[in-house]
Amino acid sequence: MQAETNTPASKASSPAKKQDTETPKAARTPDGTLLVADFGADTVSFVDPAPGKGAFDSVKVGHAPYGLAVGDDGRAWVATAEGVAVVDTDSREREALIPYETEGLGPVTDGEYRGGGMGIALAPDGKHAYVGVNVPDGKGALETIDTRAGKVTDTASVGRRPFDVDVSSDGRQVYATDHDSFDVTVLDTRSGDTRRIEVAPYGTEGGLGSWLKPHYAAVRPSDGKLLFPFEGERLVVVDPDTGRSTIEWMTANTHQHGVTITPDGTLLAVGTGPIDPSEDEGPSLTVRAPGGKEKVIPLDGPHEDVAVSEDGGTAYVTGGFTRDGYWNGITAVDIDSGDTRRLAAGERPLGIAVL
């Protein structure tokens, strides 16, 4: 993009008339704004996280947006049922919609089993985006997008319903969390080779009907291992190089979905609520220190995904949820005190990022 140059107006021009005919440009998006994918609509919403505030703008991106990732250049990459939308988060405009190369996605539709993009992540250098594509009733795909060219350049086969996608800190490996296959697929970005690592601390009994599957992962900054929380009971720690895993114990005793991890290694895991209300606890947010000490903060109602403010003091947990019981908002959680407050957001918000 060429830089703007300031040139004097010609004597024949009429600045006042030009001003009358121009459409005023919207104010640039403030730092700290929350961006959420509105799974129940075709938009992403921009949310002011200040007390008493909420969603103040939205941009149409494509049907049923699920996950999103934001690059250092301010562009958001949003996985929708129709393709990957590219949004300029500063001007709040959609720049492009990149169609998937994967076949067999079926009609554009709603719900957690719909075909199309689910998890999405960016390479550390921002040159590639990686999106997990759900193929109804079949194995999924991991599509690689050249972010400069704006097109899909490679596709790899992965497991069923790739809920989440993560990238190693050096960009050499991509991890697709395959919910319905009880595994994670590791893509070598240099060779294009893939391999499967089972992640099933409770076993695979029940198959597609099982609740005890991996949902979202976090890459631990200290050693690059993958962290998968299960049921507020077990944290599976996977070495993606060897495929070996260990289990650490958790304390929330609730079905868990979205996770994120801070630079110091603090893990945050969203508890969506009980599988068996007679035995399990309600929705919560687990804040797990690098040494394993946990704080479990109760939440009002089911939630899905989580992001953390730049200062590390506030967690923002989306109320969209992939199953029934969702609500159209975000819970802001003070991590130190455990205090919570609700923010109005878009329709069934799932993926979230702090701009």
Foldseek 3Di string as FASTA:
>chain_A
DDDDDDDDDDPPDDVVVVVVPDDDQDAWQDFQWKWFFFQQAQWIFTFDPDPPTTTDDIEGFGHRWAAWEADPQQWIWIKHLAATWIANNGSGYTDDGEGDPDPQQDDRDHALQHWIWAAKYAANVRQWIWTWTAHHPFWIKIWIAGVVVGYTDDIDTDGHRQNYWDAFNNRQWIWGFHFQVQWIWIAGVVPRDIDIAHHAPPDCPPRNNDLFGFAYWEQFLVQRWIWTDAQQFWIWTADVVVSDIDIDTGHQRAGWHAWYADNQGWIKIWGFQHPDVVRGGGTWIWTAHPVGDIDTQHDDHGFHYWDAGPVRQKIKTAQLDRDPGGDQWIWIAGVPPSDIDIHGYHHSTHYMDRD
